[in-house]
N, C-alpha and C. Protein backbone atom coordinates (compact mmCIF):
# COMPACT_ATOMS: atom_id res chain seq x y z
N MET A 1 43.62 -138.00 31.68
CA MET A 1 42.52 -138.51 30.72
C MET A 1 42.45 -137.41 29.43
N SER A 2 42.26 -138.25 28.22
CA SER A 2 42.55 -137.07 27.11
C SER A 2 41.04 -136.53 27.03
N LEU A 3 41.22 -135.55 26.13
CA LEU A 3 40.23 -134.79 25.77
C LEU A 3 38.70 -135.38 25.28
N LEU A 4 39.12 -136.30 24.58
CA LEU A 4 37.97 -137.06 23.76
C LEU A 4 37.13 -137.87 24.96
N LYS A 5 37.94 -138.48 25.90
CA LYS A 5 37.57 -139.22 27.07
C LYS A 5 36.24 -138.41 28.00
N ARG A 6 37.07 -137.14 28.18
CA ARG A 6 36.38 -136.13 29.01
C ARG A 6 34.96 -135.51 28.37
N ILE A 7 35.16 -135.57 26.89
CA ILE A 7 34.02 -135.01 26.43
C ILE A 7 32.95 -136.07 26.46
N GLU A 8 33.17 -137.40 26.02
CA GLU A 8 32.13 -138.58 26.16
C GLU A 8 31.67 -138.74 27.68
N SER A 9 32.37 -138.58 28.61
CA SER A 9 32.05 -138.88 29.91
C SER A 9 30.93 -137.46 30.18
N ALA A 10 31.13 -136.48 29.78
CA ALA A 10 30.32 -135.33 30.09
C ALA A 10 29.06 -135.11 29.03
N ARG A 11 28.76 -136.24 28.19
CA ARG A 11 27.62 -136.04 27.23
C ARG A 11 26.44 -136.55 28.02
N PRO A 12 25.45 -136.32 27.92
CA PRO A 12 23.98 -136.97 28.50
C PRO A 12 24.05 -138.49 28.25
N GLY A 13 23.53 -139.19 29.23
CA GLY A 13 23.43 -140.56 28.98
C GLY A 13 24.78 -141.22 29.70
N SER A 14 25.74 -140.54 29.77
CA SER A 14 27.23 -141.19 30.13
C SER A 14 26.98 -141.38 31.72
N PRO A 15 27.67 -142.54 32.41
CA PRO A 15 27.37 -142.91 33.81
C PRO A 15 27.87 -141.85 34.42
N GLY A 16 27.12 -141.12 35.53
CA GLY A 16 27.79 -140.20 36.51
C GLY A 16 27.11 -138.93 36.04
N THR A 17 26.07 -139.05 35.17
CA THR A 17 25.24 -137.63 34.93
C THR A 17 23.56 -137.90 35.42
N ASP A 18 23.01 -136.74 35.37
CA ASP A 18 21.65 -137.29 35.65
C ASP A 18 20.76 -137.35 34.40
N ALA A 19 21.30 -137.29 33.09
CA ALA A 19 20.28 -137.61 31.85
C ALA A 19 20.22 -138.93 31.82
N THR A 20 19.12 -139.38 30.90
CA THR A 20 18.83 -140.86 30.76
C THR A 20 19.41 -140.80 29.61
N PRO A 21 19.41 -142.32 28.93
CA PRO A 21 20.31 -142.68 27.54
C PRO A 21 19.47 -141.58 26.39
N GLY A 22 20.01 -141.25 25.39
CA GLY A 22 19.36 -140.76 24.36
C GLY A 22 19.31 -139.07 24.67
N GLY A 23 19.65 -138.60 25.65
CA GLY A 23 19.72 -136.86 25.71
C GLY A 23 18.48 -136.54 26.51
N ALA A 24 17.54 -137.28 26.82
CA ALA A 24 16.48 -136.92 27.48
C ALA A 24 16.85 -136.40 28.86
N PRO A 25 16.16 -135.79 29.57
CA PRO A 25 16.47 -135.37 30.93
C PRO A 25 15.90 -136.38 31.78
N ALA A 26 16.33 -136.55 33.02
CA ALA A 26 15.99 -137.84 33.89
C ALA A 26 14.43 -137.42 34.35
N PRO A 27 13.43 -138.43 34.62
CA PRO A 27 12.23 -138.04 34.96
C PRO A 27 12.30 -137.64 36.51
N ALA A 28 11.46 -136.58 36.75
CA ALA A 28 11.32 -136.15 37.98
C ALA A 28 10.60 -136.96 39.05
N ALA A 29 11.20 -136.78 40.31
CA ALA A 29 10.90 -137.73 41.22
C ALA A 29 9.44 -137.62 41.30
N PRO A 30 8.35 -138.89 41.59
CA PRO A 30 7.28 -138.83 41.95
C PRO A 30 6.91 -137.76 42.93
N ARG A 31 5.68 -137.08 42.52
CA ARG A 31 5.04 -136.32 43.49
C ARG A 31 4.07 -136.79 44.71
N ALA A 32 3.93 -136.34 45.79
CA ALA A 32 3.07 -137.04 46.68
C ALA A 32 1.70 -136.50 46.24
N VAL A 33 0.95 -137.38 46.22
CA VAL A 33 -0.58 -136.99 46.15
C VAL A 33 -1.28 -136.71 47.21
N PRO A 34 -2.05 -135.66 47.34
CA PRO A 34 -2.29 -135.31 48.55
C PRO A 34 -3.70 -136.30 49.19
N ALA A 35 -3.53 -136.53 50.33
CA ALA A 35 -4.67 -137.28 50.89
C ALA A 35 -6.03 -136.64 50.70
N ALA A 36 -6.97 -137.78 50.62
CA ALA A 36 -8.34 -137.51 50.25
C ALA A 36 -8.54 -136.90 51.57
N ALA A 37 -9.92 -135.75 51.53
CA ALA A 37 -10.17 -135.16 52.50
C ALA A 37 -11.03 -136.34 53.46
N PRO A 38 -11.15 -136.11 54.81
CA PRO A 38 -11.94 -137.07 55.41
C PRO A 38 -13.46 -136.89 55.24
N ALA A 39 -14.23 -138.00 55.18
CA ALA A 39 -15.38 -137.78 54.96
C ALA A 39 -16.28 -137.11 55.71
N ALA A 40 -17.21 -136.59 55.30
CA ALA A 40 -18.13 -135.61 56.37
C ALA A 40 -18.78 -136.41 57.46
N ALA A 41 -18.87 -135.90 58.66
CA ALA A 41 -19.42 -136.71 59.83
C ALA A 41 -20.95 -136.90 59.38
N PRO A 42 -21.34 -138.09 59.91
CA PRO A 42 -22.75 -138.30 59.50
C PRO A 42 -23.84 -137.31 60.36
N ALA A 43 -24.80 -137.13 59.50
CA ALA A 43 -25.75 -136.04 60.03
C ALA A 43 -26.36 -136.45 61.34
N ALA A 44 -26.80 -135.64 62.07
CA ALA A 44 -26.78 -135.68 63.63
C ALA A 44 -28.59 -136.28 63.57
N ALA A 45 -28.76 -137.19 64.42
CA ALA A 45 -29.88 -137.87 64.42
C ALA A 45 -31.16 -136.64 64.78
N PRO A 46 -32.45 -136.80 64.21
CA PRO A 46 -33.54 -135.86 64.41
C PRO A 46 -33.76 -135.55 65.78
N ALA A 47 -33.97 -134.54 66.40
CA ALA A 47 -34.39 -134.26 67.63
C ALA A 47 -35.77 -135.31 68.14
N LYS A 48 -35.86 -135.52 69.36
CA LYS A 48 -37.05 -136.25 69.71
C LYS A 48 -38.39 -135.19 69.72
N ALA A 49 -39.29 -135.66 69.37
CA ALA A 49 -40.44 -134.61 69.58
C ALA A 49 -40.74 -134.12 70.91
N ALA A 50 -41.18 -132.89 70.67
CA ALA A 50 -41.33 -132.33 72.35
C ALA A 50 -42.67 -132.88 72.84
N PRO A 51 -42.53 -132.91 74.14
CA PRO A 51 -43.75 -133.42 74.80
C PRO A 51 -44.86 -132.71 74.42
N GLN A 52 -46.01 -133.36 74.86
CA GLN A 52 -47.32 -132.79 74.20
C GLN A 52 -47.66 -131.20 74.86
N GLY A 53 -48.04 -130.48 74.09
CA GLY A 53 -48.17 -129.24 74.55
C GLY A 53 -46.96 -128.45 74.78
N ALA A 54 -45.63 -128.92 74.31
CA ALA A 54 -44.52 -128.02 74.70
C ALA A 54 -44.18 -127.31 73.75
N SER A 55 -44.91 -127.34 72.34
CA SER A 55 -44.33 -126.77 71.41
C SER A 55 -44.67 -125.28 71.30
N LYS A 56 -44.12 -124.41 70.70
CA LYS A 56 -44.23 -122.86 70.47
C LYS A 56 -45.84 -122.75 70.51
N GLY A 57 -46.27 -121.71 71.13
CA GLY A 57 -47.57 -121.21 70.99
C GLY A 57 -48.77 -122.28 71.63
N LYS A 58 -48.25 -123.36 72.15
CA LYS A 58 -49.13 -124.16 73.01
C LYS A 58 -48.72 -124.15 74.42
N PRO A 59 -49.87 -124.43 75.30
CA PRO A 59 -49.47 -124.39 76.83
C PRO A 59 -48.81 -125.68 77.39
N SER A 60 -47.83 -125.91 77.92
CA SER A 60 -46.95 -126.82 78.19
C SER A 60 -47.83 -128.07 79.13
N ASN A 61 -47.65 -129.08 79.37
CA ASN A 61 -48.13 -129.93 80.17
C ASN A 61 -48.00 -129.66 81.69
N THR A 62 -47.44 -128.48 82.07
CA THR A 62 -47.20 -128.34 83.27
C THR A 62 -48.26 -127.19 83.77
N ASP A 63 -48.90 -126.51 82.72
CA ASP A 63 -49.74 -125.47 83.01
C ASP A 63 -51.06 -125.83 82.91
N PRO A 64 -51.63 -125.40 84.00
CA PRO A 64 -53.27 -126.04 83.74
C PRO A 64 -54.14 -124.98 83.30
N THR A 65 -53.90 -124.03 82.69
CA THR A 65 -54.57 -123.07 81.76
C THR A 65 -55.22 -123.76 80.52
N GLY A 66 -56.33 -123.59 80.44
CA GLY A 66 -56.87 -124.57 79.38
C GLY A 66 -56.84 -125.93 79.09
N ALA A 67 -56.43 -126.43 80.21
CA ALA A 67 -56.39 -128.08 80.26
C ALA A 67 -57.67 -128.57 80.49
N ILE A 68 -57.75 -129.97 80.05
CA ILE A 68 -59.02 -130.59 80.13
C ILE A 68 -58.98 -131.87 81.07
N ALA A 69 -57.60 -132.09 81.53
CA ALA A 69 -57.75 -133.03 82.79
C ALA A 69 -56.40 -132.97 83.40
N ARG A 70 -56.16 -133.47 84.63
CA ARG A 70 -55.00 -133.46 85.47
C ARG A 70 -54.73 -134.99 85.35
N CYS A 71 -53.66 -135.06 84.80
CA CYS A 71 -53.20 -136.50 84.56
C CYS A 71 -52.65 -137.25 85.89
N LYS A 72 -52.57 -138.51 86.19
CA LYS A 72 -52.53 -139.36 87.48
C LYS A 72 -50.83 -138.86 87.77
N ASP A 73 -49.89 -138.64 86.77
CA ASP A 73 -48.53 -138.03 87.20
C ASP A 73 -48.19 -136.50 87.39
N GLY A 74 -49.42 -135.88 87.67
CA GLY A 74 -49.25 -134.32 87.66
C GLY A 74 -49.14 -133.61 86.68
N SER A 75 -49.27 -134.04 85.48
CA SER A 75 -49.08 -133.35 84.28
C SER A 75 -50.57 -133.00 83.95
N TYR A 76 -50.73 -132.06 83.03
CA TYR A 76 -52.19 -131.64 82.35
C TYR A 76 -52.29 -131.84 80.89
N SER A 77 -53.45 -132.43 80.61
CA SER A 77 -53.78 -132.43 78.94
C SER A 77 -54.40 -131.44 78.37
N HIS A 78 -53.73 -131.14 77.36
CA HIS A 78 -54.65 -130.01 76.81
C HIS A 78 -55.15 -130.73 75.37
N ALA A 79 -55.46 -131.93 75.55
CA ALA A 79 -56.23 -132.56 74.15
C ALA A 79 -57.32 -131.75 73.82
N LYS A 80 -57.80 -132.27 72.72
CA LYS A 80 -58.84 -131.59 72.15
C LYS A 80 -60.14 -132.47 72.57
N GLY A 81 -60.20 -133.53 73.09
CA GLY A 81 -61.39 -134.14 73.58
C GLY A 81 -60.67 -135.17 74.55
N HIS A 82 -61.75 -135.84 75.20
CA HIS A 82 -61.34 -136.84 76.45
C HIS A 82 -60.65 -138.22 75.85
N SER A 83 -60.93 -138.33 74.52
CA SER A 83 -60.26 -139.53 74.17
C SER A 83 -58.76 -139.40 73.96
N GLY A 84 -57.90 -140.24 74.54
CA GLY A 84 -56.58 -140.23 74.32
C GLY A 84 -55.78 -139.26 75.61
N ALA A 85 -56.90 -138.30 76.47
CA ALA A 85 -55.97 -137.66 77.40
C ALA A 85 -55.37 -138.39 78.26
N CYS A 86 -54.07 -137.85 78.53
CA CYS A 86 -53.17 -138.59 79.57
C CYS A 86 -52.76 -139.79 79.36
N SER A 87 -52.88 -140.33 78.06
CA SER A 87 -52.61 -141.68 77.79
C SER A 87 -51.15 -141.90 77.98
N ASP A 88 -50.32 -141.19 78.18
CA ASP A 88 -49.04 -141.31 78.18
C ASP A 88 -48.57 -140.84 79.59
N HIS A 89 -49.47 -140.61 80.39
CA HIS A 89 -49.21 -140.04 81.88
C HIS A 89 -49.98 -141.09 82.82
N GLY A 90 -50.32 -142.22 82.46
CA GLY A 90 -50.62 -142.90 83.64
C GLY A 90 -52.56 -142.77 83.80
N GLY A 91 -52.87 -142.24 82.65
CA GLY A 91 -54.24 -141.87 82.66
C GLY A 91 -54.82 -140.63 83.44
N VAL A 92 -56.14 -140.46 83.35
CA VAL A 92 -56.62 -139.20 83.78
C VAL A 92 -56.95 -139.49 85.37
N GLY A 93 -56.38 -138.29 86.35
CA GLY A 93 -56.73 -138.44 87.72
C GLY A 93 -57.56 -137.64 88.01
N GLU A 94 -58.04 -136.32 87.21
CA GLU A 94 -59.30 -135.72 87.33
C GLU A 94 -59.60 -134.87 85.84
N TRP A 95 -60.72 -134.81 85.81
CA TRP A 95 -61.10 -133.92 84.47
C TRP A 95 -61.35 -132.51 85.04
N MET A 96 -60.62 -131.59 84.12
CA MET A 96 -60.87 -130.19 84.45
C MET A 96 -61.90 -129.60 83.82
N ASP A 97 -62.52 -130.19 82.96
CA ASP A 97 -63.72 -129.59 82.22
C ASP A 97 -65.22 -130.20 82.54
N LYS A 98 -65.13 -130.67 83.89
CA LYS A 98 -66.35 -131.22 84.22
C LYS A 98 -67.67 -130.48 83.95
N LYS A 99 -68.57 -131.27 83.00
CA LYS A 99 -69.67 -131.00 82.79
C LYS A 99 -70.83 -131.21 83.46
N GLU A 100 -71.81 -130.49 83.51
CA GLU A 100 -72.71 -130.58 85.00
C GLU A 100 -73.98 -130.70 84.02
């Protein structure tokens, strides 16, 4: 092979080289795009309300101290008045604040 043919084959853009025609370097291979982060998990459902009287600072419905009624299911009502006492517990079995 002549010197001229070797020079031409070594020029950018010649077959067998990594350069593109015109002398510009070949484009880099496309880079992988990082996957999107997974979506955050949905927020937990709010907790159910505590049973009557079970919140902090109040007697629970199993504590007769200060109760106005014992319900038919055996729990105690600490309601402020008779209206609605034991409404979710089968009704009033016995009033604890008997007025004479």
